[in-house]
Amino acid sequence: MSVSIGDQVRLVRPQTFLKTADPMPMLRPPDLVAHGEIGRVMALLPAETAAVRFARGTFLLSFTQLAVVGDGLEPAHDPDESSNPGMSAELDPSSESN
C-alpha cells in the first residue's frame, strides 16, 4: 500500500488500543477512533507505520490497519440539485437567451 503525507485514510478494523503520536507515546482506549473513521496522514514512520490525525487525536497505526480513501468520493452538494437535474441549466446565466 502506498501512503503519502496528507492522504486521507480510513481505519479498516477496530483496535484493541491506540498509541498516541506524542513525543512520549501513551496507550489510549480504542473508543477514541470509530471503526471506519477517516483521518489524515501527518507523518510516515519506519516499519510501515503512519501518524494519522483523527478528530480526537493523532495516533500511530500500521499501514495494514488503514485503507486510502479513494478520489471517487462524491463532493458535498445540494440535495435539491440532484432531484432536479435541469435546475442547474436554468440558473446558469450563459444558458439564458434574451
N, C-alpha and C. Protein backbone atom coordinates (compact mmCIF):
# COMPACT_ATOMS: atom_id res chain seq x y z
N MET A 1 0.86 -1.17 0.00
CA MET A 1 0.00 0.00 0.00
C MET A 1 0.90 1.23 0.00
N SER A 2 0.60 2.18 -0.86
CA SER A 2 1.40 3.41 -0.89
C SER A 2 0.60 4.53 -0.26
N VAL A 3 1.19 5.13 0.76
CA VAL A 3 0.56 6.22 1.51
C VAL A 3 1.51 7.40 1.47
N SER A 4 0.95 8.58 1.31
CA SER A 4 1.74 9.81 1.32
C SER A 4 1.22 10.73 2.41
N ILE A 5 2.07 11.64 2.84
CA ILE A 5 1.65 12.64 3.82
C ILE A 5 0.53 13.47 3.22
N GLY A 6 -0.53 13.67 3.97
CA GLY A 6 -1.68 14.43 3.51
C GLY A 6 -2.81 13.57 2.96
N ASP A 7 -2.56 12.28 2.72
CA ASP A 7 -3.62 11.38 2.23
C ASP A 7 -4.69 11.20 3.30
N GLN A 8 -5.92 11.03 2.84
CA GLN A 8 -7.00 10.67 3.75
C GLN A 8 -7.07 9.16 3.79
N VAL A 9 -7.14 8.62 5.01
CA VAL A 9 -7.20 7.18 5.20
C VAL A 9 -8.36 6.84 6.13
N ARG A 10 -8.82 5.60 6.00
CA ARG A 10 -9.93 5.10 6.81
C ARG A 10 -9.41 3.95 7.67
N LEU A 11 -9.83 3.92 8.92
CA LEU A 11 -9.49 2.83 9.83
C LEU A 11 -10.33 1.62 9.43
N VAL A 12 -9.68 0.52 9.03
CA VAL A 12 -10.42 -0.60 8.44
C VAL A 12 -10.90 -1.63 9.46
N ARG A 13 -10.32 -1.65 10.65
CA ARG A 13 -10.80 -2.61 11.65
C ARG A 13 -10.68 -2.01 13.05
N PRO A 14 -11.52 -2.47 13.96
CA PRO A 14 -11.46 -1.96 15.33
C PRO A 14 -10.10 -2.27 15.97
N GLN A 15 -9.67 -1.40 16.85
CA GLN A 15 -8.38 -1.55 17.51
C GLN A 15 -8.58 -2.05 18.94
N THR A 16 -7.56 -2.72 19.47
CA THR A 16 -7.60 -3.14 20.88
C THR A 16 -7.11 -2.00 21.77
N PHE A 17 -6.25 -1.15 21.21
CA PHE A 17 -5.77 0.04 21.89
C PHE A 17 -5.21 0.99 20.83
N LEU A 18 -4.98 2.23 21.19
CA LEU A 18 -4.38 3.22 20.30
C LEU A 18 -3.12 3.76 20.95
N LYS A 19 -2.09 3.99 20.14
CA LYS A 19 -0.85 4.56 20.63
C LYS A 19 -0.74 5.98 20.11
N THR A 20 -0.61 6.95 20.99
CA THR A 20 -0.55 8.35 20.58
C THR A 20 0.75 8.62 19.82
N ALA A 21 0.74 9.66 19.01
CA ALA A 21 1.92 10.06 18.23
C ALA A 21 2.67 11.19 18.92
N ASP A 22 2.54 11.29 20.23
CA ASP A 22 3.22 12.31 21.01
C ASP A 22 4.71 11.96 21.14
N PRO A 23 5.54 12.96 21.54
CA PRO A 23 6.96 12.66 21.79
C PRO A 23 7.14 11.56 22.84
N MET A 24 6.25 11.49 23.81
CA MET A 24 6.23 10.40 24.78
C MET A 24 4.92 9.64 24.56
N PRO A 25 4.91 8.64 23.65
CA PRO A 25 3.65 7.95 23.31
C PRO A 25 3.00 7.28 24.51
N MET A 26 1.67 7.27 24.48
CA MET A 26 0.88 6.63 25.53
C MET A 26 -0.15 5.73 24.87
N LEU A 27 -0.54 4.68 25.56
CA LEU A 27 -1.63 3.83 25.08
C LEU A 27 -2.95 4.44 25.53
N ARG A 28 -3.90 4.49 24.61
CA ARG A 28 -5.20 5.10 24.88
C ARG A 28 -6.29 4.08 24.54
N PRO A 29 -7.50 4.26 25.09
CA PRO A 29 -8.59 3.33 24.80
C PRO A 29 -9.01 3.41 23.32
N PRO A 30 -9.50 2.31 22.79
CA PRO A 30 -9.83 2.26 21.36
C PRO A 30 -11.06 3.07 20.97
N ASP A 31 -11.88 3.50 21.92
CA ASP A 31 -13.11 4.20 21.56
C ASP A 31 -12.88 5.66 21.16
N LEU A 32 -11.63 6.12 21.12
CA LEU A 32 -11.34 7.48 20.67
C LEU A 32 -11.47 7.62 19.16
N VAL A 33 -11.32 6.50 18.45
CA VAL A 33 -11.44 6.49 16.99
C VAL A 33 -12.43 5.40 16.61
N ALA A 34 -13.49 5.78 15.91
CA ALA A 34 -14.51 4.82 15.49
C ALA A 34 -14.01 3.99 14.31
N HIS A 35 -14.48 2.75 14.25
CA HIS A 35 -14.18 1.90 13.11
C HIS A 35 -14.71 2.57 11.85
N GLY A 36 -13.88 2.74 10.84
CA GLY A 36 -14.29 3.38 9.60
C GLY A 36 -14.09 4.89 9.59
N GLU A 37 -13.64 5.47 10.69
CA GLU A 37 -13.43 6.92 10.74
C GLU A 37 -12.30 7.32 9.79
N ILE A 38 -12.44 8.49 9.19
CA ILE A 38 -11.45 8.98 8.23
C ILE A 38 -10.53 9.98 8.93
N GLY A 39 -9.23 9.82 8.69
CA GLY A 39 -8.22 10.71 9.23
C GLY A 39 -7.25 11.12 8.14
N ARG A 40 -6.29 11.97 8.50
CA ARG A 40 -5.29 12.46 7.54
C ARG A 40 -3.90 12.05 8.01
N VAL A 41 -3.09 11.53 7.08
CA VAL A 41 -1.72 11.12 7.39
C VAL A 41 -0.88 12.36 7.64
N MET A 42 -0.27 12.42 8.82
CA MET A 42 0.55 13.57 9.21
C MET A 42 2.05 13.27 9.07
N ALA A 43 2.44 12.00 9.21
CA ALA A 43 3.85 11.62 9.12
C ALA A 43 3.96 10.15 8.76
N LEU A 44 5.03 9.80 8.07
CA LEU A 44 5.34 8.41 7.75
C LEU A 44 6.52 8.00 8.61
N LEU A 45 6.41 6.84 9.25
CA LEU A 45 7.43 6.36 10.17
C LEU A 45 7.95 5.01 9.71
N PRO A 46 9.11 4.56 10.26
CA PRO A 46 9.63 3.24 9.89
C PRO A 46 8.65 2.13 10.23
N ALA A 47 8.93 0.95 9.69
CA ALA A 47 8.13 -0.26 9.93
C ALA A 47 6.69 -0.10 9.43
N GLU A 48 6.52 0.58 8.29
CA GLU A 48 5.20 0.75 7.66
C GLU A 48 4.17 1.26 8.66
N THR A 49 4.51 2.34 9.33
CA THR A 49 3.64 2.97 10.31
C THR A 49 3.41 4.42 9.92
N ALA A 50 2.21 4.92 10.20
CA ALA A 50 1.87 6.31 9.90
C ALA A 50 1.28 6.97 11.13
N ALA A 51 1.56 8.25 11.28
CA ALA A 51 0.89 9.06 12.30
C ALA A 51 -0.33 9.66 11.62
N VAL A 52 -1.51 9.31 12.11
CA VAL A 52 -2.77 9.72 11.47
C VAL A 52 -3.56 10.59 12.44
N ARG A 53 -3.96 11.77 11.96
CA ARG A 53 -4.77 12.69 12.78
C ARG A 53 -6.24 12.40 12.55
N PHE A 54 -6.92 12.09 13.65
CA PHE A 54 -8.36 11.91 13.64
C PHE A 54 -8.97 13.06 14.44
N ALA A 55 -10.27 13.10 14.57
CA ALA A 55 -10.94 14.19 15.28
C ALA A 55 -10.52 14.27 16.74
N ARG A 56 -10.20 13.13 17.35
CA ARG A 56 -9.91 13.13 18.79
C ARG A 56 -8.44 12.86 19.10
N GLY A 57 -7.54 13.07 18.13
CA GLY A 57 -6.12 12.92 18.41
C GLY A 57 -5.36 12.35 17.24
N THR A 58 -4.02 12.32 17.38
CA THR A 58 -3.14 11.76 16.37
C THR A 58 -2.55 10.47 16.93
N PHE A 59 -2.67 9.39 16.15
CA PHE A 59 -2.28 8.08 16.63
C PHE A 59 -1.39 7.38 15.62
N LEU A 60 -0.53 6.46 16.12
CA LEU A 60 0.35 5.67 15.28
C LEU A 60 -0.37 4.39 14.88
N LEU A 61 -0.45 4.16 13.56
CA LEU A 61 -1.15 2.98 13.05
C LEU A 61 -0.35 2.34 11.93
N SER A 62 -0.41 1.03 11.89
CA SER A 62 0.24 0.28 10.83
C SER A 62 -0.52 0.47 9.51
N PHE A 63 0.21 0.42 8.40
CA PHE A 63 -0.44 0.54 7.08
C PHE A 63 -1.50 -0.55 6.89
N THR A 64 -1.32 -1.71 7.52
CA THR A 64 -2.29 -2.81 7.35
C THR A 64 -3.62 -2.49 8.02
N GLN A 65 -3.65 -1.52 8.93
CA GLN A 65 -4.88 -1.13 9.61
C GLN A 65 -5.60 0.01 8.91
N LEU A 66 -5.03 0.47 7.79
CA LEU A 66 -5.56 1.64 7.09
C LEU A 66 -5.89 1.32 5.65
N ALA A 67 -6.84 2.06 5.10
CA ALA A 67 -7.15 2.00 3.67
C ALA A 67 -7.23 3.44 3.16
N VAL A 68 -6.57 3.70 2.05
CA VAL A 68 -6.60 5.04 1.47
C VAL A 68 -8.00 5.32 0.95
N VAL A 69 -8.52 6.49 1.27
CA VAL A 69 -9.84 6.90 0.79
C VAL A 69 -9.67 7.29 -0.66
N GLY A 70 -10.46 6.67 -1.54
CA GLY A 70 -10.33 6.92 -2.98
C GLY A 70 -10.76 8.31 -3.39
N ASP A 71 -10.27 8.72 -4.56
CA ASP A 71 -10.66 10.01 -5.11
C ASP A 71 -12.07 9.98 -5.66
N GLY A 72 -12.70 8.81 -5.66
CA GLY A 72 -14.04 8.68 -6.21
C GLY A 72 -15.14 9.16 -5.28
N LEU A 73 -14.77 9.71 -4.13
CA LEU A 73 -15.80 10.20 -3.22
C LEU A 73 -16.53 11.38 -3.85
N GLU A 74 -17.84 11.38 -3.70
CA GLU A 74 -18.66 12.47 -4.22
C GLU A 74 -18.46 13.72 -3.38
N PRO A 75 -18.23 14.86 -3.98
CA PRO A 75 -18.15 16.08 -3.19
C PRO A 75 -19.53 16.43 -2.63
N ALA A 76 -19.53 17.15 -1.54
CA ALA A 76 -20.80 17.56 -0.94
C ALA A 76 -21.54 18.46 -1.91
N HIS A 77 -22.83 18.23 -2.07
CA HIS A 77 -23.62 19.06 -2.97
C HIS A 77 -25.01 19.22 -2.39
N ASP A 78 -25.74 20.15 -2.96
CA ASP A 78 -27.09 20.46 -2.51
C ASP A 78 -28.03 19.33 -2.93
N PRO A 79 -28.78 18.71 -1.99
CA PRO A 79 -29.67 17.62 -2.36
C PRO A 79 -30.77 18.07 -3.33
N ASP A 80 -31.17 19.33 -3.30
CA ASP A 80 -32.19 19.81 -4.23
C ASP A 80 -31.67 19.77 -5.66
N GLU A 81 -30.37 19.97 -5.84
CA GLU A 81 -29.79 19.98 -7.17
C GLU A 81 -29.89 18.60 -7.83
N SER A 82 -29.69 17.53 -7.05
CA SER A 82 -29.74 16.19 -7.63
C SER A 82 -31.18 15.78 -7.95
N SER A 83 -32.15 16.34 -7.25
CA SER A 83 -33.53 15.96 -7.50
C SER A 83 -34.07 16.61 -8.78
N ASN A 84 -33.47 17.69 -9.22
CA ASN A 84 -33.91 18.37 -10.42
C ASN A 84 -32.70 18.71 -11.28
N PRO A 85 -32.25 17.76 -12.13
CA PRO A 85 -31.04 17.99 -12.90
C PRO A 85 -31.13 19.18 -13.86
N GLY A 86 -32.31 19.55 -14.31
CA GLY A 86 -32.45 20.67 -15.23
C GLY A 86 -32.35 22.01 -14.53
N MET A 87 -32.41 21.99 -13.22
CA MET A 87 -32.39 23.22 -12.44
C MET A 87 -31.08 23.98 -12.63
N SER A 88 -29.95 23.28 -12.70
CA SER A 88 -28.67 23.97 -12.80
C SER A 88 -28.56 24.71 -14.14
N ALA A 89 -29.13 24.17 -15.21
CA ALA A 89 -29.10 24.84 -16.51
C ALA A 89 -29.97 26.09 -16.48
N GLU A 90 -31.06 26.04 -15.73
CA GLU A 90 -31.94 27.20 -15.65
C GLU A 90 -31.27 28.35 -14.89
N LEU A 91 -30.41 28.01 -13.92
CA LEU A 91 -29.76 29.03 -13.12
C LEU A 91 -28.48 29.55 -13.76
N ASP A 92 -27.97 28.87 -14.76
CA ASP A 92 -26.73 29.27 -15.40
C ASP A 92 -27.00 30.47 -16.31
N PRO A 93 -26.34 31.64 -16.04
CA PRO A 93 -26.61 32.84 -16.85
C PRO A 93 -26.21 32.67 -18.30
N SER A 94 -25.24 31.81 -18.61
CA SER A 94 -24.82 31.63 -20.00
C SER A 94 -25.86 30.89 -20.83
N SER A 95 -26.80 30.18 -20.17
CA SER A 95 -27.81 29.43 -20.90
C SER A 95 -29.07 30.26 -21.17
N GLU A 96 -29.12 31.47 -20.62
CA GLU A 96 -30.29 32.31 -20.82
C GLU A 96 -30.26 32.91 -22.23
N SER A 97 -31.39 32.98 -22.85
CA SER A 97 -31.48 33.64 -24.15
C SER A 97 -32.39 34.84 -24.02
N ASN A 98 -31.87 36.01 -24.40
CA ASN A 98 -32.64 37.25 -24.29
C ASN A 98 -33.05 37.75 -25.63
